[in-house]
Amino acid sequence: MLIVLLILIPFIGGLLAMMMPESKVHIQATGFSVITLALSMAVYYFYTQQTAGIDLHYSVSWIESIGARFSVGIVKGDSLALLMVILTGLVFPLIFFSIQNKQPEKPSTFYGLMLMAQAGLMGVFLAKDALLFYVFWEVALIPVYFLSSMYGGPRRIAVTFKFFIYTFVGSLLMLVGILLIYQQTPIHSFDWDSFVSVGKAMPAEKTKLALLVIVFSLCD
């Protein structure tokens, strides 16, 4: 459940921030971001110590009909995901502390969107299901879109429109790549391990096609 809290705490904090009085929202948002940082450090500790009884993985049935699960976690050897989780936990309180003397317009909206973006990013780095990864990818992008359109400076509308087009096209390509691999899994599962196994066994032509589509979507 510790892993789920890394996503749930900033998400709840974002929802509460949007309802908080502007005079108190900075303290509340900073508090939630610090709690998230503490949780990420706890995950680092339990990962490195391999403490008995602490499970850094959570998985439940999600969309059973298509083989999708709500599966998040950090497994042994997944040090890159661990690093990204720690950095995501660290960056947001640093941002909030750095702007404490220069509050943005509509601070409740700003802090709410920031914390929701943090929740989405945590989900991206923790997802062990390809479809769930895609959903969290989109969840992370939506607050960024609104942050850009509201706080992006004089040319924010034009820049945000380009951001929307690029990310929309990229997201569609990513989904196509995920579905290409999904169709090759023997039991039609979005499980990350199934994707890795199928990727190794797929014909070279299909592997290259799926790889090119996904890589292009990320570059876009």
C-alpha atoms as a PDB file:
ATOM      1  CA  MET A   1       0.000   0.000   0.000  1.00  0.00           C
ATOM      2  CA  LEU A   2       3.025   2.283   0.454  1.00  0.00           C
ATOM      3  CA  ILE A   3       3.438   2.403  -3.328  1.00  0.00           C
ATOM      4  CA  VAL A   4      -0.189   3.433  -3.856  1.00  0.00           C
ATOM      5  CA  LEU A   5       0.226   6.294  -1.373  1.00  0.00           C
ATOM      6  CA  LEU A   6       2.925   7.811  -3.601  1.00  0.00           C
ATOM      7  CA  ILE A   7       0.181   8.401  -6.173  1.00  0.00           C
ATOM      8  CA  LEU A   8      -2.771   8.920  -3.853  1.00  0.00           C
ATOM      9  CA  ILE A   9      -1.263  11.537  -1.495  1.00  0.00           C
ATOM     10  CA  PRO A  10      -0.395  14.172  -4.149  1.00  0.00           C
ATOM     11  CA  PHE A  11      -3.671  13.483  -5.982  1.00  0.00           C
ATOM     12  CA  ILE A  12      -5.725  14.075  -2.820  1.00  0.00           C
ATOM     13  CA  GLY A  13      -3.541  17.081  -2.035  1.00  0.00           C
ATOM     14  CA  GLY A  14      -4.282  18.496  -5.485  1.00  0.00           C
ATOM     15  CA  LEU A  15      -8.026  18.114  -5.034  1.00  0.00           C
ATOM     16  CA  LEU A  16      -7.923  19.727  -1.584  1.00  0.00           C
ATOM     17  CA  ALA A  17      -5.683  22.558  -2.816  1.00  0.00           C
ATOM     18  CA  MET A  18      -8.315  23.627  -5.323  1.00  0.00           C
ATOM     19  CA  MET A  19     -10.797  24.026  -2.478  1.00  0.00           C
ATOM     20  CA  MET A  20      -8.454  25.722  -0.002  1.00  0.00           C
ATOM     21  CA  PRO A  21      -8.438  29.472   0.746  1.00  0.00           C
ATOM     22  CA  GLU A  22      -5.665  31.201  -1.174  1.00  0.00           C
ATOM     23  CA  SER A  23      -4.014  32.355   2.047  1.00  0.00           C
ATOM     24  CA  LYS A  24      -3.474  28.777   3.244  1.00  0.00           C
ATOM     25  CA  VAL A  25      -3.008  26.781   0.067  1.00  0.00           C
ATOM     26  CA  HIS A  26       0.783  27.213  -0.122  1.00  0.00           C
ATOM     27  CA  ILE A  27       1.309  25.646   3.315  1.00  0.00           C
ATOM     28  CA  GLN A  28      -1.142  22.836   2.553  1.00  0.00           C
ATOM     29  CA  ALA A  29       0.370  22.033  -0.861  1.00  0.00           C
ATOM     30  CA  THR A  30       3.918  22.164   0.479  1.00  0.00           C
ATOM     31  CA  GLY A  31       2.911  19.822   3.282  1.00  0.00           C
ATOM     32  CA  PHE A  32       1.502  17.257   0.853  1.00  0.00           C
ATOM     33  CA  SER A  33       4.601  17.494  -1.332  1.00  0.00           C
ATOM     34  CA  VAL A  34       6.864  16.961   1.691  1.00  0.00           C
ATOM     35  CA  ILE A  35       4.801  13.922   2.731  1.00  0.00           C
ATOM     36  CA  THR A  36       5.206  12.542  -0.798  1.00  0.00           C
ATOM     37  CA  LEU A  37       8.963  13.115  -0.578  1.00  0.00           C
ATOM     38  CA  ALA A  38       9.058  11.283   2.752  1.00  0.00           C
ATOM     39  CA  LEU A  39       7.159   8.367   1.209  1.00  0.00           C
ATOM     40  CA  SER A  40       9.582   8.218  -1.713  1.00  0.00           C
ATOM     41  CA  MET A  41      12.510   8.100   0.714  1.00  0.00           C
ATOM     42  CA  ALA A  42      10.750   5.333   2.647  1.00  0.00           C
ATOM     43  CA  VAL A  43      10.416   3.377  -0.599  1.00  0.00           C
ATOM     44  CA  TYR A  44      14.136   3.906  -1.225  1.00  0.00           C
ATOM     45  CA  TYR A  45      14.961   2.628   2.265  1.00  0.00           C
ATOM     46  CA  PHE A  46      12.788  -0.479   1.995  1.00  0.00           C
ATOM     47  CA  TYR A  47      14.065  -1.157  -1.529  1.00  0.00           C
ATOM     48  CA  THR A  48      17.722  -1.029  -0.505  1.00  0.00           C
ATOM     49  CA  GLN A  49      17.212  -2.905   2.780  1.00  0.00           C
ATOM     50  CA  GLN A  50      14.790  -5.489   1.357  1.00  0.00           C
ATOM     51  CA  THR A  51      12.876  -5.334   4.638  1.00  0.00           C
ATOM     52  CA  ALA A  52      10.762  -8.427   5.308  1.00  0.00           C
ATOM     53  CA  GLY A  53       7.014  -7.832   5.261  1.00  0.00           C
ATOM     54  CA  ILE A  54       7.232  -4.672   3.149  1.00  0.00           C
ATOM     55  CA  ASP A  55       5.767  -5.199  -0.320  1.00  0.00           C
ATOM     56  CA  LEU A  56       6.711  -2.554  -2.879  1.00  0.00           C
ATOM     57  CA  HIS A  57       4.153  -3.830  -5.356  1.00  0.00           C
ATOM     58  CA  TYR A  58       0.365  -3.527  -5.510  1.00  0.00           C
ATOM     59  CA  SER A  59      -1.837  -5.231  -8.074  1.00  0.00           C
ATOM     60  CA  VAL A  60      -5.609  -5.627  -8.376  1.00  0.00           C
ATOM     61  CA  SER A  61      -7.947  -6.465 -11.247  1.00  0.00           C
ATOM     62  CA  TRP A  62      -8.881  -3.360 -13.249  1.00  0.00           C
ATOM     63  CA  ILE A  63     -10.423  -4.097 -16.663  1.00  0.00           C
ATOM     64  CA  GLU A  64     -10.512  -7.859 -16.518  1.00  0.00           C
ATOM     65  CA  SER A  65     -12.157  -8.322 -19.922  1.00  0.00           C
ATOM     66  CA  ILE A  66      -9.062  -7.037 -21.758  1.00  0.00           C
ATOM     67  CA  GLY A  67      -6.421  -8.262 -19.311  1.00  0.00           C
ATOM     68  CA  ALA A  68      -5.600  -4.891 -17.753  1.00  0.00           C
ATOM     69  CA  ARG A  69      -4.678  -4.584 -14.081  1.00  0.00           C
ATOM     70  CA  PHE A  70      -4.014  -1.702 -11.714  1.00  0.00           C
ATOM     71  CA  SER A  71      -0.462  -2.840 -11.118  1.00  0.00           C
ATOM     72  CA  VAL A  72       2.143  -0.477  -9.654  1.00  0.00           C
ATOM     73  CA  GLY A  73       5.421  -1.081  -7.898  1.00  0.00           C
ATOM     74  CA  ILE A  74       9.193  -1.187  -7.904  1.00  0.00           C
ATOM     75  CA  VAL A  75      10.763  -4.597  -8.332  1.00  0.00           C
ATOM     76  CA  LYS A  76      14.321  -5.700  -7.613  1.00  0.00           C
ATOM     77  CA  GLY A  77      16.708  -4.260 -10.166  1.00  0.00           C
ATOM     78  CA  ASP A  78      14.356  -1.453 -11.212  1.00  0.00           C
ATOM     79  CA  SER A  79      16.730   1.244 -10.016  1.00  0.00           C
ATOM     80  CA  LEU A  80      15.842   3.700 -12.799  1.00  0.00           C
ATOM     81  CA  ALA A  81      12.189   3.789 -11.726  1.00  0.00           C
ATOM     82  CA  LEU A  82      13.331   4.240  -8.123  1.00  0.00           C
ATOM     83  CA  LEU A  83      15.555   7.166  -9.115  1.00  0.00           C
ATOM     84  CA  MET A  84      12.734   8.857 -11.033  1.00  0.00           C
ATOM     85  CA  VAL A  85      10.341   8.410  -8.105  1.00  0.00           C
ATOM     86  CA  ILE A  86      12.826  10.033  -5.724  1.00  0.00           C
ATOM     87  CA  LEU A  87      13.472  12.933  -8.123  1.00  0.00           C
ATOM     88  CA  THR A  88       9.732  13.466  -8.618  1.00  0.00           C
ATOM     89  CA  GLY A  89       9.280  13.478  -4.863  1.00  0.00           C
ATOM     90  CA  LEU A  90      12.135  15.965  -4.428  1.00  0.00           C
ATOM     91  CA  VAL A  91      11.475  18.473  -7.217  1.00  0.00           C
ATOM     92  CA  PHE A  92       7.958  19.553  -6.223  1.00  0.00           C
ATOM     93  CA  PRO A  93       8.669  20.664  -2.624  1.00  0.00           C
ATOM     94  CA  LEU A  94      11.741  22.498  -3.944  1.00  0.00           C
ATOM     95  CA  ILE A  95       9.516  24.343  -6.433  1.00  0.00           C
ATOM     96  CA  PHE A  96       6.992  25.208  -3.734  1.00  0.00           C
ATOM     97  CA  PHE A  97       9.673  26.438  -1.328  1.00  0.00           C
ATOM     98  CA  SER A  98      11.326  28.520  -4.058  1.00  0.00           C
ATOM     99  CA  ILE A  99       8.119  30.482  -4.840  1.00  0.00           C
ATOM    100  CA  GLN A 100       6.872  30.996  -1.288  1.00  0.00           C
ATOM    101  CA  ASN A 101       7.628  34.736  -1.466  1.00  0.00           C
ATOM    102  CA  LYS A 102       6.209  35.158  -4.978  1.00  0.00           C
ATOM    103  CA  GLN A 103       2.840  33.485  -5.190  1.00  0.00           C
ATOM    104  CA  PRO A 104       1.265  32.910  -8.641  1.00  0.00           C
ATOM    105  CA  GLU A 105      -2.146  34.171  -9.655  1.00  0.00           C
ATOM    106  CA  LYS A 106      -4.975  31.864  -8.587  1.00  0.00           C
ATOM    107  CA  PRO A 107      -2.672  29.928  -6.254  1.00  0.00           C
ATOM    108  CA  SER A 108      -5.304  27.317  -5.385  1.00  0.00           C
ATOM    109  CA  THR A 109      -5.552  26.317  -9.050  1.00  0.00           C
ATOM    110  CA  PHE A 110      -1.780  26.423  -9.526  1.00  0.00           C
ATOM    111  CA  TYR A 111      -0.934  24.202  -6.553  1.00  0.00           C
ATOM    112  CA  GLY A 112      -3.827  21.855  -7.303  1.00  0.00           C
ATOM    113  CA  LEU A 113      -2.646  21.291 -10.871  1.00  0.00           C
ATOM    114  CA  MET A 114       0.974  20.897  -9.781  1.00  0.00           C
ATOM    115  CA  LEU A 115       0.135  18.187  -7.250  1.00  0.00           C
ATOM    116  CA  MET A 116      -2.052  16.347  -9.763  1.00  0.00           C
ATOM    117  CA  ALA A 117       0.803  16.441 -12.252  1.00  0.00           C
ATOM    118  CA  GLN A 118       3.052  14.947  -9.565  1.00  0.00           C
ATOM    119  CA  ALA A 119       0.530  12.157  -8.971  1.00  0.00           C
ATOM    120  CA  GLY A 120       0.438  11.414 -12.699  1.00  0.00           C
ATOM    121  CA  LEU A 121       4.233  11.326 -12.937  1.00  0.00           C
ATOM    122  CA  MET A 122       4.466   8.969  -9.980  1.00  0.00           C
ATOM    123  CA  GLY A 123       2.002   6.695 -11.745  1.00  0.00           C
ATOM    124  CA  VAL A 124       4.057   6.772 -14.955  1.00  0.00           C
ATOM    125  CA  PHE A 125       7.204   5.628 -13.154  1.00  0.00           C
ATOM    126  CA  LEU A 126       5.454   3.030 -10.993  1.00  0.00           C
ATOM    127  CA  ALA A 127       3.087   1.439 -13.548  1.00  0.00           C
ATOM    128  CA  LYS A 128       3.646  -2.258 -14.274  1.00  0.00           C
ATOM    129  CA  ASP A 129       0.771  -2.476 -16.740  1.00  0.00           C
ATOM    130  CA  ALA A 130       1.128  -0.939 -20.204  1.00  0.00           C
ATOM    131  CA  LEU A 131      -2.427   0.397 -20.385  1.00  0.00           C
ATOM    132  CA  LEU A 132      -2.130   1.850 -16.885  1.00  0.00           C
ATOM    133  CA  PHE A 133       1.155   3.473 -17.921  1.00  0.00           C
ATOM    134  CA  TYR A 134      -0.669   5.108 -20.839  1.00  0.00           C
ATOM    135  CA  VAL A 135      -3.468   6.364 -18.583  1.00  0.00           C
ATOM    136  CA  PHE A 136      -1.008   7.884 -16.098  1.00  0.00           C
ATOM    137  CA  TRP A 137       0.901   9.437 -19.006  1.00  0.00           C
ATOM    138  CA  GLU A 138      -2.270  11.244 -20.011  1.00  0.00           C
ATOM    139  CA  VAL A 139      -3.097  12.142 -16.387  1.00  0.00           C
ATOM    140  CA  ALA A 140       0.309  13.798 -16.062  1.00  0.00           C
ATOM    141  CA  LEU A 141      -0.117  15.768 -19.304  1.00  0.00           C
ATOM    142  CA  ILE A 142      -3.568  17.231 -18.602  1.00  0.00           C
ATOM    143  CA  PRO A 143      -2.508  19.428 -15.612  1.00  0.00           C
ATOM    144  CA  VAL A 144       0.582  20.533 -17.556  1.00  0.00           C
ATOM    145  CA  TYR A 145      -1.673  21.650 -20.409  1.00  0.00           C
ATOM    146  CA  PHE A 146      -3.718  23.856 -18.060  1.00  0.00           C
ATOM    147  CA  LEU A 147      -0.611  25.130 -16.262  1.00  0.00           C
ATOM    148  CA  SER A 148       0.858  26.185 -19.610  1.00  0.00           C
ATOM    149  CA  SER A 149      -2.344  27.877 -20.757  1.00  0.00           C
ATOM    150  CA  MET A 150      -2.771  29.814 -17.489  1.00  0.00           C
ATOM    151  CA  TYR A 151       0.802  30.539 -16.367  1.00  0.00           C
ATOM    152  CA  GLY A 152       2.862  30.293 -19.555  1.00  0.00           C
ATOM    153  CA  GLY A 153       3.544  33.954 -20.219  1.00  0.00           C
ATOM    154  CA  PRO A 154       2.491  36.311 -23.052  1.00  0.00           C
ATOM    155  CA  ARG A 155       2.549  33.678 -25.839  1.00  0.00           C
ATOM    156  CA  ARG A 156       1.004  30.946 -23.729  1.00  0.00           C
ATOM    157  CA  ILE A 157      -2.025  30.361 -25.980  1.00  0.00           C
ATOM    158  CA  ALA A 158       0.015  29.676 -29.110  1.00  0.00           C
ATOM    159  CA  VAL A 159       2.538  27.562 -27.217  1.00  0.00           C
ATOM    160  CA  THR A 160      -0.176  25.598 -25.443  1.00  0.00           C
ATOM    161  CA  PHE A 161      -1.934  24.889 -28.733  1.00  0.00           C
ATOM    162  CA  LYS A 162       1.282  23.442 -30.184  1.00  0.00           C
ATOM    163  CA  PHE A 163       1.820  21.476 -26.986  1.00  0.00           C
ATOM    164  CA  PHE A 164      -1.687  20.025 -27.308  1.00  0.00           C
ATOM    165  CA  ILE A 165      -1.190  19.021 -30.963  1.00  0.00           C
ATOM    166  CA  TYR A 166       2.198  17.391 -30.349  1.00  0.00           C
ATOM    167  CA  THR A 167       1.118  15.511 -27.253  1.00  0.00           C
ATOM    168  CA  PHE A 168      -2.211  14.441 -28.807  1.00  0.00           C
ATOM    169  CA  VAL A 169      -0.495  12.966 -31.869  1.00  0.00           C
ATOM    170  CA  GLY A 170       2.218  11.429 -29.706  1.00  0.00           C
ATOM    171  CA  SER A 171      -0.328   9.872 -27.367  1.00  0.00           C
ATOM    172  CA  LEU A 172      -2.229   8.285 -30.246  1.00  0.00           C
ATOM    173  CA  LEU A 173       0.981   6.823 -31.647  1.00  0.00           C
ATOM    174  CA  MET A 174       1.936   5.476 -28.236  1.00  0.00           C
ATOM    175  CA  LEU A 175      -1.450   3.802 -27.888  1.00  0.00           C
ATOM    176  CA  VAL A 176      -1.037   2.231 -31.338  1.00  0.00           C
ATOM    177  CA  GLY A 177       2.378   0.877 -30.345  1.00  0.00           C
ATOM    178  CA  ILE A 178       1.015  -0.548 -27.091  1.00  0.00           C
ATOM    179  CA  LEU A 179      -1.884  -2.208 -28.901  1.00  0.00           C
ATOM    180  CA  LEU A 180       0.484  -3.700 -31.508  1.00  0.00           C
ATOM    181  CA  ILE A 181       2.404  -5.472 -28.760  1.00  0.00           C
ATOM    182  CA  TYR A 182      -0.765  -6.332 -26.823  1.00  0.00           C
ATOM    183  CA  GLN A 183      -2.139  -8.205 -29.844  1.00  0.00           C
ATOM    184  CA  GLN A 184       0.946 -10.439 -29.813  1.00  0.00           C
ATOM    185  CA  THR A 185       0.626 -11.529 -26.179  1.00  0.00           C
ATOM    186  CA  PRO A 186      -0.644 -15.130 -25.900  1.00  0.00           C
ATOM    187  CA  ILE A 187      -3.318 -14.297 -23.302  1.00  0.00           C
ATOM    188  CA  HIS A 188      -3.943 -10.686 -24.406  1.00  0.00           C
ATOM    189  CA  SER A 189      -2.485  -9.044 -21.331  1.00  0.00           C
ATOM    190  CA  PHE A 190      -1.090  -5.555 -20.714  1.00  0.00           C
ATOM    191  CA  ASP A 191       1.218  -6.889 -17.996  1.00  0.00           C
ATOM    192  CA  TRP A 192       4.692  -5.378 -18.311  1.00  0.00           C
ATOM    193  CA  ASP A 193       6.450  -8.753 -18.040  1.00  0.00           C
ATOM    194  CA  SER A 194       4.233 -10.137 -20.817  1.00  0.00           C
ATOM    195  CA  PHE A 195       5.173  -7.182 -23.006  1.00  0.00           C
ATOM    196  CA  VAL A 196       8.886  -7.796 -22.394  1.00  0.00           C
ATOM    197  CA  SER A 197       8.563 -11.513 -23.184  1.00  0.00           C
ATOM    198  CA  VAL A 198       6.546 -10.898 -26.332  1.00  0.00           C
ATOM    199  CA  GLY A 199       8.918  -8.169 -27.458  1.00  0.00           C
ATOM    200  CA  LYS A 200      11.771 -10.660 -27.407  1.00  0.00           C
ATOM    201  CA  ALA A 201       9.765 -13.284 -29.324  1.00  0.00           C
ATOM    202  CA  MET A 202       8.070 -11.045 -31.923  1.00  0.00           C
ATOM    203  CA  PRO A 203       9.193 -11.171 -35.557  1.00  0.00           C
ATOM    204  CA  ALA A 204      11.857  -8.581 -36.303  1.00  0.00           C
ATOM    205  CA  GLU A 205       9.594  -6.588 -38.631  1.00  0.00           C
ATOM    206  CA  LYS A 206       6.803  -6.220 -36.052  1.00  0.00           C
ATOM    207  CA  THR A 207       9.306  -5.444 -33.301  1.00  0.00           C
ATOM    208  CA  LYS A 208      10.841  -2.640 -35.341  1.00  0.00           C
ATOM    209  CA  LEU A 209       7.414  -1.242 -36.223  1.00  0.00           C
ATOM    210  CA  ALA A 210       6.206  -1.208 -32.611  1.00  0.00           C
ATOM    211  CA  LEU A 211       9.512   0.268 -31.421  1.00  0.00           C
ATOM    212  CA  LEU A 212       9.499   3.002 -34.058  1.00  0.00           C
ATOM    213  CA  VAL A 213       5.894   3.972 -33.279  1.00  0.00           C
ATOM    214  CA  ILE A 214       6.516   4.188 -29.512  1.00  0.00           C
ATOM    215  CA  VAL A 215       9.864   5.991 -29.833  1.00  0.00           C
ATOM    216  CA  PHE A 216       8.377   8.484 -32.312  1.00  0.00           C
ATOM    217  CA  SER A 217       5.463   9.096 -29.945  1.00  0.00           C
ATOM    218  CA  LEU A 218       7.871   9.918 -27.112  1.00  0.00           C
ATOM    219  CA  CYS A 219       9.965  12.200 -29.336  1.00  0.00           C
ATOM    220  CA  ASP A 220       6.833  13.950 -30.551  1.00  0.00           C
END
